[in-house]
N, C-alpha and C. Protein backbone atom coordinates (compact mmCIF):
# COMPACT_ATOMS: atom_id res chain seq x y z
N MET A 1 41.48 4.82 -35.02
CA MET A 1 41.31 4.90 -33.66
C MET A 1 42.40 3.62 -33.01
N ASN A 2 42.70 4.07 -31.93
CA ASN A 2 43.36 3.20 -31.85
C ASN A 2 42.67 2.91 -30.10
N ASP A 3 42.21 0.80 -30.05
CA ASP A 3 41.31 0.27 -29.47
C ASP A 3 42.00 0.08 -28.04
N GLU A 4 43.85 0.07 -27.46
CA GLU A 4 44.48 -0.21 -26.94
C GLU A 4 44.17 0.05 -25.41
N ILE A 5 43.86 -1.35 -24.87
CA ILE A 5 43.77 -0.31 -23.31
C ILE A 5 45.11 -0.42 -22.70
N VAL A 6 45.15 0.82 -22.28
CA VAL A 6 45.92 1.13 -21.50
C VAL A 6 46.27 1.12 -19.82
N LEU A 7 46.39 0.13 -18.99
CA LEU A 7 46.15 0.36 -17.79
C LEU A 7 47.28 1.23 -16.51
N PRO A 8 46.54 1.75 -15.50
CA PRO A 8 47.35 2.40 -14.86
C PRO A 8 48.24 1.44 -13.99
N ALA A 9 49.69 2.37 -14.04
CA ALA A 9 50.63 1.84 -12.64
C ALA A 9 49.95 0.63 -12.04
N LEU A 10 50.80 -0.73 -11.99
CA LEU A 10 50.16 -1.62 -10.85
C LEU A 10 51.28 -1.65 -10.04
N SER A 11 50.31 -2.49 -8.79
CA SER A 11 52.00 -2.67 -7.78
C SER A 11 52.28 -4.31 -7.52
N GLN A 12 53.06 -4.55 -7.36
CA GLN A 12 53.35 -5.64 -7.10
C GLN A 12 52.94 -6.54 -5.56
N ASP A 13 52.42 -5.21 -5.01
CA ASP A 13 51.64 -6.03 -3.80
C ASP A 13 50.27 -6.54 -3.70
N LEU A 14 49.46 -5.58 -5.09
CA LEU A 14 48.54 -5.83 -5.29
C LEU A 14 48.55 -7.14 -6.02
N ILE A 15 49.09 -7.15 -6.91
CA ILE A 15 48.85 -8.93 -7.61
C ILE A 15 49.31 -9.59 -6.65
N ASN A 16 50.63 -9.55 -5.89
CA ASN A 16 50.83 -10.77 -4.82
C ASN A 16 49.84 -10.94 -3.35
N LYS A 17 48.78 -10.13 -3.45
CA LYS A 17 47.35 -9.87 -2.49
C LYS A 17 46.26 -11.01 -3.07
N LEU A 18 46.53 -10.67 -4.69
CA LEU A 18 45.45 -11.45 -5.46
C LEU A 18 46.03 -13.19 -5.29
N ASP A 19 46.85 -12.93 -5.97
CA ASP A 19 47.92 -14.42 -6.02
C ASP A 19 47.22 -15.10 -4.62
N LYS A 20 47.44 -14.63 -3.72
CA LYS A 20 46.64 -15.53 -2.46
C LYS A 20 45.73 -15.75 -2.71
N LEU A 21 44.61 -14.90 -2.83
CA LEU A 21 43.56 -15.01 -2.82
C LEU A 21 42.83 -16.09 -3.65
N PHE A 22 43.52 -16.20 -5.20
CA PHE A 22 43.19 -17.19 -6.24
C PHE A 22 44.24 -17.17 -6.56
N PRO A 23 44.72 -18.52 -5.83
CA PRO A 23 45.97 -19.25 -6.16
C PRO A 23 45.97 -20.06 -7.40
N ASP A 24 47.20 -20.07 -8.28
CA ASP A 24 47.12 -21.07 -8.73
C ASP A 24 47.61 -22.39 -8.53
N LYS A 25 46.32 -23.16 -8.52
CA LYS A 25 46.13 -24.67 -8.27
C LYS A 25 45.54 -25.42 -8.99
N CYS A 26 45.70 -26.63 -8.97
CA CYS A 26 44.69 -27.82 -9.58
C CYS A 26 43.07 -27.60 -8.94
N PRO A 27 42.42 -27.71 -10.24
CA PRO A 27 40.75 -28.04 -9.26
C PRO A 27 40.80 -29.11 -8.58
N LEU A 28 39.44 -29.09 -8.03
CA LEU A 28 39.11 -30.15 -6.75
C LEU A 28 37.97 -31.66 -7.64
N LEU A 29 38.68 -32.61 -7.03
CA LEU A 29 37.52 -33.34 -8.33
C LEU A 29 36.32 -33.16 -8.05
N THR A 30 35.98 -32.58 -6.86
CA THR A 30 34.61 -32.28 -6.67
C THR A 30 33.63 -30.68 -7.16
N ASP A 31 34.88 -30.53 -7.81
CA ASP A 31 34.45 -28.87 -8.77
C ASP A 31 33.74 -29.45 -10.04
N THR A 32 32.48 -28.46 -9.89
CA THR A 32 32.03 -28.51 -11.36
C THR A 32 32.66 -28.39 -12.59
N GLU A 33 32.34 -28.33 -13.89
CA GLU A 33 33.17 -28.00 -15.09
C GLU A 33 32.94 -26.48 -14.76
N ARG A 34 31.64 -25.47 -14.67
CA ARG A 34 31.51 -24.19 -14.69
C ARG A 34 32.31 -23.68 -13.25
N GLU A 35 32.93 -24.17 -12.23
CA GLU A 35 33.37 -23.86 -11.29
C GLU A 35 34.85 -24.09 -11.59
N VAL A 36 34.89 -25.04 -12.60
CA VAL A 36 36.50 -25.25 -12.90
C VAL A 36 36.90 -23.71 -13.97
N TRP A 37 35.98 -23.55 -14.86
CA TRP A 37 36.20 -22.32 -15.68
C TRP A 37 36.29 -21.11 -15.40
N TYR A 38 35.52 -20.89 -14.02
CA TYR A 38 35.36 -20.01 -13.49
C TYR A 38 36.63 -19.42 -12.59
N LYS A 39 37.24 -20.70 -11.91
CA LYS A 39 38.60 -20.46 -11.66
C LYS A 39 39.41 -19.97 -12.42
N VAL A 40 39.41 -21.15 -13.47
CA VAL A 40 40.66 -20.48 -14.28
C VAL A 40 40.20 -19.00 -15.15
N GLY A 41 39.38 -18.48 -15.38
CA GLY A 41 39.17 -17.10 -15.50
C GLY A 41 39.75 -16.00 -14.28
N GLN A 42 39.38 -16.26 -13.07
CA GLN A 42 39.79 -15.50 -11.66
C GLN A 42 41.64 -15.53 -12.14
N ARG A 43 42.52 -16.59 -12.08
CA ARG A 43 43.77 -16.83 -12.39
C ARG A 43 44.04 -16.11 -13.91
N SER A 44 43.37 -16.16 -14.82
CA SER A 44 43.77 -15.73 -16.11
C SER A 44 44.13 -13.99 -15.49
N VAL A 45 42.91 -13.47 -15.15
CA VAL A 45 43.23 -12.21 -14.96
C VAL A 45 44.43 -11.83 -14.17
N ILE A 46 45.18 -12.75 -12.93
CA ILE A 46 46.25 -12.22 -12.14
C ILE A 46 47.20 -12.54 -12.96
N ASN A 47 47.45 -13.67 -13.62
CA ASN A 47 48.74 -14.31 -14.71
C ASN A 47 48.87 -12.56 -15.71
N TYR A 48 47.63 -12.20 -16.06
CA TYR A 48 47.63 -10.76 -17.07
C TYR A 48 48.09 -9.84 -16.92
N LEU A 49 47.44 -9.50 -15.08
CA LEU A 49 48.15 -8.30 -14.48
C LEU A 49 49.47 -8.57 -14.48
N GLN A 50 50.08 -9.93 -13.62
CA GLN A 50 51.98 -9.76 -13.31
C GLN A 50 52.18 -9.40 -14.77
N GLN A 51 52.10 -10.21 -15.77
CA GLN A 51 52.80 -9.79 -17.34
C GLN A 51 52.57 -8.29 -17.68
N THR A 52 51.53 -7.94 -17.37
CA THR A 52 51.45 -5.98 -17.34
C THR A 52 52.41 -5.41 -16.66
N TYR A 53 52.27 -6.11 -15.22
CA TYR A 53 53.33 -5.37 -14.51
C TYR A 53 54.73 -5.88 -14.85
N ASP A 54 55.19 -6.52 -15.37
CA ASP A 54 56.03 -7.23 -15.98
C ASP A 54 56.43 -5.87 -17.01
N ASP A 55 55.86 -6.11 -17.79
CA ASP A 55 56.05 -4.89 -18.77
C ASP A 55 56.71 -3.44 -18.48
N GLN A 56 55.58 -2.89 -17.57
CA GLN A 56 55.85 -1.86 -16.79
C GLN A 56 57.01 -1.36 -16.05
N LEU A 57 57.40 -2.74 -15.83
CA LEU A 57 59.00 -2.38 -14.65
C LEU A 57 59.62 -2.01 -15.82
N GLU A 58 59.95 -3.12 -17.46
CA GLU A 58 60.67 -3.17 -18.79
C GLU A 58 60.43 -1.68 -18.76
N GLN A 59 59.48 -0.96 -18.82
CA GLN A 59 59.10 0.01 -19.70
C GLN A 59 59.37 1.29 -18.78
N ASP A 60 60.09 1.45 -17.66
CA ASP A 60 59.94 2.08 -16.31
C ASP A 60 58.95 3.43 -15.85
N ILE A 61 57.79 2.40 -16.30
CA ILE A 61 56.35 3.07 -15.72
C ILE A 61 56.76 3.03 -14.47
N VAL A 62 56.66 1.58 -14.34
CA VAL A 62 56.77 1.62 -12.68
C VAL A 62 58.38 1.30 -12.35
N THR A 63 58.65 1.57 -10.76
CA THR A 63 59.66 0.82 -10.30
C THR A 63 59.40 -0.34 -9.33
N LYS A 64 60.39 -1.29 -8.79
CA LYS A 64 60.23 -2.29 -8.51
C LYS A 64 60.51 -1.84 -6.88
N GLN A 65 59.37 -2.66 -6.17
CA GLN A 65 59.50 -2.24 -4.72
C GLN A 65 60.16 -2.90 -4.37
N VAL A 66 61.09 -2.51 -3.20
CA VAL A 66 61.69 -3.25 -2.19
C VAL A 66 61.23 -3.43 -1.14
N GLN A 67 61.52 -5.09 -0.77
CA GLN A 67 60.62 -5.65 0.81
C GLN A 67 61.95 -5.16 1.72
C-alpha cells in the first residue's frame, strides 16, 4: 500500500498570497512559547507548499506563470 499523499497542481499565486499572510519573520519578544510554535507551524506549511510547487515545476506537472 502506497501512503504517499499527492497534492493537486499548485499555484505560485496562492503560495505568494499565503507568504504575505504568514511571512517568515522572527517572533516578537511578547509572543508566548505557544504562539511561537503556532507561527512556526504556519510557516512550515508555506515552505512545504513552495517545495512541492518547485518539485511540480521540475516534473512538468505545472508550468511557471509569467507575470
